[in-house]
Amino acid sequence: QRNFALKPLPNDPLFKLVSDLYEVVPDVLGSIGKIQNPWPNVDAHSGVLLKHFGINEESYYTVLFGVSRAIGVLSNLVWARAYGLPIERPKSLSTEAIKKAVGL
């Protein structure tokens, strides 16, 4: 998203703020030592892009993110069926089983 945003938003103040954070924050978080991957995820620029393209209702941002994730998962399932891959069934664990597994 960052590379996509560089074209239409090079002078946008919100994009500049996110870009500054993108440059500064990883070094700060990395210096703490407890964080394995201090780089922002793909959503670091999504709010700025949505605002730029006219979606100003911030309460919709999470909904759009969820819908896009659902479409991605669904398309993955369609391809899995097309290739004849087995249906994945994640194991279900109770809270007690999880506590036992981590030693609580």
N, C-alpha and C. Protein backbone atom coordinates (compact mmCIF):
# COMPACT_ATOMS: atom_id res chain seq x y z
N GLN A 1 0.81 -1.19 0.00
CA GLN A 1 0.00 0.00 0.00
C GLN A 1 0.86 1.26 0.00
N ARG A 2 2.01 1.18 0.64
CA ARG A 2 2.88 2.35 0.69
C ARG A 2 3.32 2.76 -0.71
N ASN A 3 3.77 1.80 -1.48
CA ASN A 3 4.21 2.11 -2.84
C ASN A 3 3.06 2.63 -3.69
N PHE A 4 1.86 2.06 -3.50
CA PHE A 4 0.69 2.55 -4.22
C PHE A 4 0.38 3.98 -3.81
N ALA A 5 0.49 4.30 -2.53
CA ALA A 5 0.15 5.63 -2.02
C ALA A 5 1.16 6.69 -2.45
N LEU A 6 2.37 6.29 -2.76
CA LEU A 6 3.39 7.27 -3.16
C LEU A 6 3.00 8.05 -4.40
N LYS A 7 2.25 7.41 -5.32
CA LYS A 7 1.87 8.10 -6.56
C LYS A 7 0.83 9.20 -6.34
N PRO A 8 -0.37 8.87 -5.79
CA PRO A 8 -1.39 9.92 -5.69
C PRO A 8 -1.25 10.84 -4.47
N LEU A 9 -0.45 10.44 -3.48
CA LEU A 9 -0.44 11.19 -2.22
C LEU A 9 0.90 11.77 -1.80
N PRO A 10 1.82 12.08 -2.66
CA PRO A 10 3.14 12.49 -2.17
C PRO A 10 3.12 13.74 -1.29
N ASN A 11 2.14 14.62 -1.47
CA ASN A 11 2.10 15.87 -0.69
C ASN A 11 0.97 15.92 0.33
N ASP A 12 0.25 14.82 0.49
CA ASP A 12 -0.85 14.77 1.45
C ASP A 12 -0.29 14.79 2.87
N PRO A 13 -0.79 15.68 3.75
CA PRO A 13 -0.24 15.79 5.11
C PRO A 13 -0.40 14.51 5.94
N LEU A 14 -1.53 13.82 5.79
CA LEU A 14 -1.69 12.56 6.53
C LEU A 14 -0.73 11.49 6.03
N PHE A 15 -0.54 11.45 4.71
CA PHE A 15 0.42 10.49 4.16
C PHE A 15 1.83 10.80 4.64
N LYS A 16 2.16 12.08 4.70
CA LYS A 16 3.49 12.45 5.20
C LYS A 16 3.67 12.03 6.65
N LEU A 17 2.61 12.18 7.46
CA LEU A 17 2.68 11.75 8.86
C LEU A 17 2.91 10.25 8.96
N VAL A 18 2.12 9.47 8.20
CA VAL A 18 2.28 8.02 8.21
C VAL A 18 3.67 7.64 7.70
N SER A 19 4.16 8.33 6.68
CA SER A 19 5.49 8.05 6.15
C SER A 19 6.57 8.33 7.20
N ASP A 20 6.41 9.43 7.92
CA ASP A 20 7.36 9.74 8.99
C ASP A 20 7.35 8.66 10.06
N LEU A 21 6.15 8.21 10.43
CA LEU A 21 6.05 7.14 11.41
C LEU A 21 6.69 5.86 10.88
N TYR A 22 6.49 5.60 9.61
CA TYR A 22 7.06 4.42 8.97
C TYR A 22 8.58 4.44 9.03
N GLU A 23 9.15 5.64 8.97
CA GLU A 23 10.61 5.78 9.01
C GLU A 23 11.16 5.76 10.44
N VAL A 24 10.44 6.35 11.39
CA VAL A 24 10.96 6.53 12.75
C VAL A 24 10.64 5.36 13.68
N VAL A 25 9.40 4.90 13.66
CA VAL A 25 8.94 3.94 14.66
C VAL A 25 9.70 2.61 14.64
N PRO A 26 10.02 2.02 13.48
CA PRO A 26 10.73 0.74 13.52
C PRO A 26 12.05 0.79 14.30
N ASP A 27 12.80 1.87 14.16
CA ASP A 27 14.05 1.99 14.91
C ASP A 27 13.79 2.10 16.41
N VAL A 28 12.76 2.85 16.77
CA VAL A 28 12.42 3.01 18.19
C VAL A 28 11.98 1.66 18.77
N LEU A 29 11.07 0.98 18.08
CA LEU A 29 10.59 -0.31 18.56
C LEU A 29 11.70 -1.36 18.53
N GLY A 30 12.53 -1.31 17.51
CA GLY A 30 13.64 -2.26 17.42
C GLY A 30 14.63 -2.10 18.55
N SER A 31 14.79 -0.88 19.02
CA SER A 31 15.75 -0.63 20.11
C SER A 31 15.27 -1.21 21.44
N ILE A 32 13.98 -1.47 21.56
CA ILE A 32 13.45 -2.05 22.79
C ILE A 32 13.92 -3.49 22.93
N GLY A 33 14.02 -4.19 21.79
CA GLY A 33 14.54 -5.54 21.81
C GLY A 33 13.52 -6.65 21.98
N LYS A 34 12.32 -6.34 22.40
CA LYS A 34 11.31 -7.37 22.63
C LYS A 34 10.45 -7.62 21.40
N ILE A 35 10.56 -6.77 20.41
CA ILE A 35 9.67 -6.84 19.26
C ILE A 35 10.43 -7.49 18.10
N GLN A 36 9.86 -8.59 17.57
CA GLN A 36 10.54 -9.33 16.51
C GLN A 36 10.48 -8.60 15.17
N ASN A 37 9.32 -8.05 14.84
CA ASN A 37 9.16 -7.39 13.55
C ASN A 37 8.54 -6.02 13.78
N PRO A 38 9.36 -4.98 13.91
CA PRO A 38 8.83 -3.66 14.25
C PRO A 38 8.25 -2.88 13.07
N TRP A 39 8.19 -3.50 11.90
CA TRP A 39 7.69 -2.77 10.73
C TRP A 39 6.17 -2.77 10.71
N PRO A 40 5.57 -1.65 10.25
CA PRO A 40 4.11 -1.59 10.19
C PRO A 40 3.56 -2.62 9.20
N ASN A 41 2.36 -3.11 9.49
CA ASN A 41 1.77 -4.07 8.56
C ASN A 41 1.14 -3.32 7.37
N VAL A 42 0.48 -4.05 6.52
CA VAL A 42 -0.05 -3.44 5.30
C VAL A 42 -1.13 -2.40 5.56
N ASP A 43 -1.67 -2.38 6.76
CA ASP A 43 -2.74 -1.44 7.07
C ASP A 43 -2.24 -0.06 7.49
N ALA A 44 -0.95 0.12 7.55
CA ALA A 44 -0.40 1.40 8.02
C ALA A 44 -0.88 2.57 7.18
N HIS A 45 -1.11 2.35 5.91
CA HIS A 45 -1.51 3.44 5.02
C HIS A 45 -2.97 3.37 4.58
N SER A 46 -3.69 2.32 4.97
CA SER A 46 -5.03 2.11 4.42
C SER A 46 -6.00 3.23 4.78
N GLY A 47 -5.97 3.73 6.01
CA GLY A 47 -6.88 4.81 6.38
C GLY A 47 -6.64 6.07 5.58
N VAL A 48 -5.37 6.39 5.34
CA VAL A 48 -5.03 7.57 4.55
C VAL A 48 -5.52 7.40 3.11
N LEU A 49 -5.34 6.21 2.56
CA LEU A 49 -5.80 5.95 1.19
C LEU A 49 -7.33 6.02 1.10
N LEU A 50 -8.01 5.43 2.07
CA LEU A 50 -9.47 5.47 2.05
C LEU A 50 -9.97 6.90 2.12
N LYS A 51 -9.37 7.70 3.00
CA LYS A 51 -9.77 9.10 3.14
C LYS A 51 -9.51 9.86 1.83
N HIS A 52 -8.35 9.62 1.23
CA HIS A 52 -8.00 10.30 -0.02
C HIS A 52 -9.01 10.00 -1.13
N PHE A 53 -9.47 8.76 -1.18
CA PHE A 53 -10.39 8.36 -2.24
C PHE A 53 -11.86 8.55 -1.86
N GLY A 54 -12.11 9.33 -0.79
CA GLY A 54 -13.46 9.78 -0.49
C GLY A 54 -14.24 8.99 0.53
N ILE A 55 -13.64 8.00 1.15
CA ILE A 55 -14.34 7.27 2.21
C ILE A 55 -13.94 7.90 3.53
N ASN A 56 -14.77 8.82 4.00
CA ASN A 56 -14.43 9.62 5.17
C ASN A 56 -15.03 9.10 6.47
N GLU A 57 -15.90 8.12 6.39
CA GLU A 57 -16.51 7.55 7.60
C GLU A 57 -15.54 6.54 8.21
N GLU A 58 -14.82 6.97 9.23
CA GLU A 58 -13.79 6.11 9.82
C GLU A 58 -14.38 4.83 10.41
N SER A 59 -15.65 4.86 10.81
CA SER A 59 -16.25 3.65 11.37
C SER A 59 -16.38 2.55 10.32
N TYR A 60 -16.27 2.88 9.04
CA TYR A 60 -16.33 1.87 7.98
C TYR A 60 -14.98 1.21 7.72
N TYR A 61 -13.90 1.78 8.19
CA TYR A 61 -12.57 1.26 7.88
C TYR A 61 -12.42 -0.20 8.33
N THR A 62 -12.86 -0.50 9.55
CA THR A 62 -12.75 -1.86 10.06
C THR A 62 -13.65 -2.81 9.27
N VAL A 63 -14.83 -2.32 8.90
CA VAL A 63 -15.74 -3.14 8.11
C VAL A 63 -15.12 -3.47 6.75
N LEU A 64 -14.56 -2.46 6.09
CA LEU A 64 -13.92 -2.69 4.79
C LEU A 64 -12.75 -3.66 4.92
N PHE A 65 -11.99 -3.52 5.99
CA PHE A 65 -10.87 -4.44 6.22
C PHE A 65 -11.40 -5.86 6.40
N GLY A 66 -12.45 -6.02 7.21
CA GLY A 66 -13.02 -7.34 7.44
C GLY A 66 -13.59 -7.96 6.18
N VAL A 67 -14.29 -7.16 5.39
CA VAL A 67 -14.88 -7.67 4.14
C VAL A 67 -13.77 -8.09 3.18
N SER A 68 -12.73 -7.29 3.08
CA SER A 68 -11.64 -7.65 2.16
C SER A 68 -10.94 -8.92 2.62
N ARG A 69 -10.76 -9.09 3.93
CA ARG A 69 -10.17 -10.32 4.44
C ARG A 69 -11.07 -11.52 4.13
N ALA A 70 -12.38 -11.34 4.35
CA ALA A 70 -13.32 -12.43 4.08
C ALA A 70 -13.29 -12.84 2.61
N ILE A 71 -13.23 -11.86 1.71
CA ILE A 71 -13.16 -12.15 0.28
C ILE A 71 -11.87 -12.92 -0.03
N GLY A 72 -10.78 -12.52 0.59
CA GLY A 72 -9.51 -13.22 0.38
C GLY A 72 -9.56 -14.66 0.84
N VAL A 73 -10.12 -14.89 2.02
CA VAL A 73 -10.24 -16.25 2.55
C VAL A 73 -11.17 -17.07 1.65
N LEU A 74 -12.27 -16.46 1.25
CA LEU A 74 -13.23 -17.16 0.40
C LEU A 74 -12.61 -17.55 -0.95
N SER A 75 -11.86 -16.64 -1.55
CA SER A 75 -11.22 -16.96 -2.83
C SER A 75 -10.20 -18.08 -2.65
N ASN A 76 -9.51 -18.09 -1.51
CA ASN A 76 -8.57 -19.17 -1.22
C ASN A 76 -9.30 -20.51 -1.12
N LEU A 77 -10.47 -20.50 -0.48
CA LEU A 77 -11.25 -21.73 -0.37
C LEU A 77 -11.73 -22.22 -1.74
N VAL A 78 -12.14 -21.29 -2.60
CA VAL A 78 -12.59 -21.66 -3.94
C VAL A 78 -11.45 -22.32 -4.71
N TRP A 79 -10.25 -21.72 -4.65
CA TRP A 79 -9.11 -22.32 -5.35
C TRP A 79 -8.75 -23.68 -4.75
N ALA A 80 -8.85 -23.80 -3.43
CA ALA A 80 -8.54 -25.08 -2.79
C ALA A 80 -9.50 -26.17 -3.29
N ARG A 81 -10.80 -25.82 -3.43
CA ARG A 81 -11.76 -26.79 -3.96
C ARG A 81 -11.45 -27.10 -5.42
N ALA A 82 -11.08 -26.09 -6.18
CA ALA A 82 -10.77 -26.29 -7.60
C ALA A 82 -9.59 -27.24 -7.78
N TYR A 83 -8.62 -27.16 -6.88
CA TYR A 83 -7.46 -28.05 -6.95
C TYR A 83 -7.69 -29.38 -6.24
N GLY A 84 -8.88 -29.55 -5.66
CA GLY A 84 -9.20 -30.81 -4.98
C GLY A 84 -8.50 -31.00 -3.65
N LEU A 85 -8.09 -29.90 -3.03
CA LEU A 85 -7.43 -30.01 -1.73
C LEU A 85 -8.45 -30.34 -0.65
N PRO A 86 -8.03 -31.01 0.42
CA PRO A 86 -8.99 -31.37 1.46
C PRO A 86 -9.46 -30.13 2.23
N ILE A 87 -10.67 -30.25 2.80
CA ILE A 87 -11.20 -29.17 3.63
C ILE A 87 -10.40 -29.13 4.93
N GLU A 88 -9.96 -27.95 5.31
CA GLU A 88 -9.19 -27.81 6.56
C GLU A 88 -10.17 -27.62 7.71
N ARG A 89 -9.94 -28.36 8.76
CA ARG A 89 -10.76 -28.24 9.96
C ARG A 89 -9.84 -27.94 11.14
N PRO A 90 -9.78 -26.68 11.54
CA PRO A 90 -8.90 -26.34 12.66
C PRO A 90 -9.34 -27.05 13.94
N LYS A 91 -8.35 -27.41 14.75
CA LYS A 91 -8.63 -28.07 16.01
C LYS A 91 -9.24 -27.06 16.98
N SER A 92 -10.25 -27.48 17.69
CA SER A 92 -10.90 -26.63 18.68
C SER A 92 -10.41 -27.02 20.07
N LEU A 93 -9.96 -26.02 20.83
CA LEU A 93 -9.48 -26.28 22.18
C LEU A 93 -10.27 -25.46 23.19
N SER A 94 -10.49 -26.05 24.35
CA SER A 94 -11.15 -25.30 25.42
C SER A 94 -10.13 -24.38 26.08
N THR A 95 -10.63 -23.44 26.86
CA THR A 95 -9.74 -22.54 27.60
C THR A 95 -8.88 -23.33 28.56
N GLU A 96 -9.44 -24.33 29.19
CA GLU A 96 -8.68 -25.18 30.12
C GLU A 96 -7.52 -25.88 29.41
N ALA A 97 -7.78 -26.41 28.22
CA ALA A 97 -6.73 -27.10 27.46
C ALA A 97 -5.61 -26.13 27.10
N ILE A 98 -5.96 -24.92 26.74
CA ILE A 98 -4.94 -23.91 26.39
C ILE A 98 -4.12 -23.55 27.62
N LYS A 99 -4.80 -23.35 28.76
CA LYS A 99 -4.07 -23.04 30.01
C LYS A 99 -3.11 -24.16 30.37
N LYS A 100 -3.57 -25.40 30.22
CA LYS A 100 -2.72 -26.56 30.51
C LYS A 100 -1.52 -26.61 29.58
N ALA A 101 -1.74 -26.31 28.31
CA ALA A 101 -0.67 -26.37 27.32
C ALA A 101 0.42 -25.32 27.59
N VAL A 102 0.04 -24.17 28.14
CA VAL A 102 1.03 -23.11 28.41
C VAL A 102 1.48 -23.09 29.86
N GLY A 103 1.00 -24.05 30.63
CA GLY A 103 1.47 -24.16 32.01
C GLY A 103 0.81 -23.23 33.00
N LEU A 104 -0.42 -22.86 32.78
CA LEU A 104 -1.12 -21.99 33.74
C LEU A 104 -2.05 -22.79 34.63
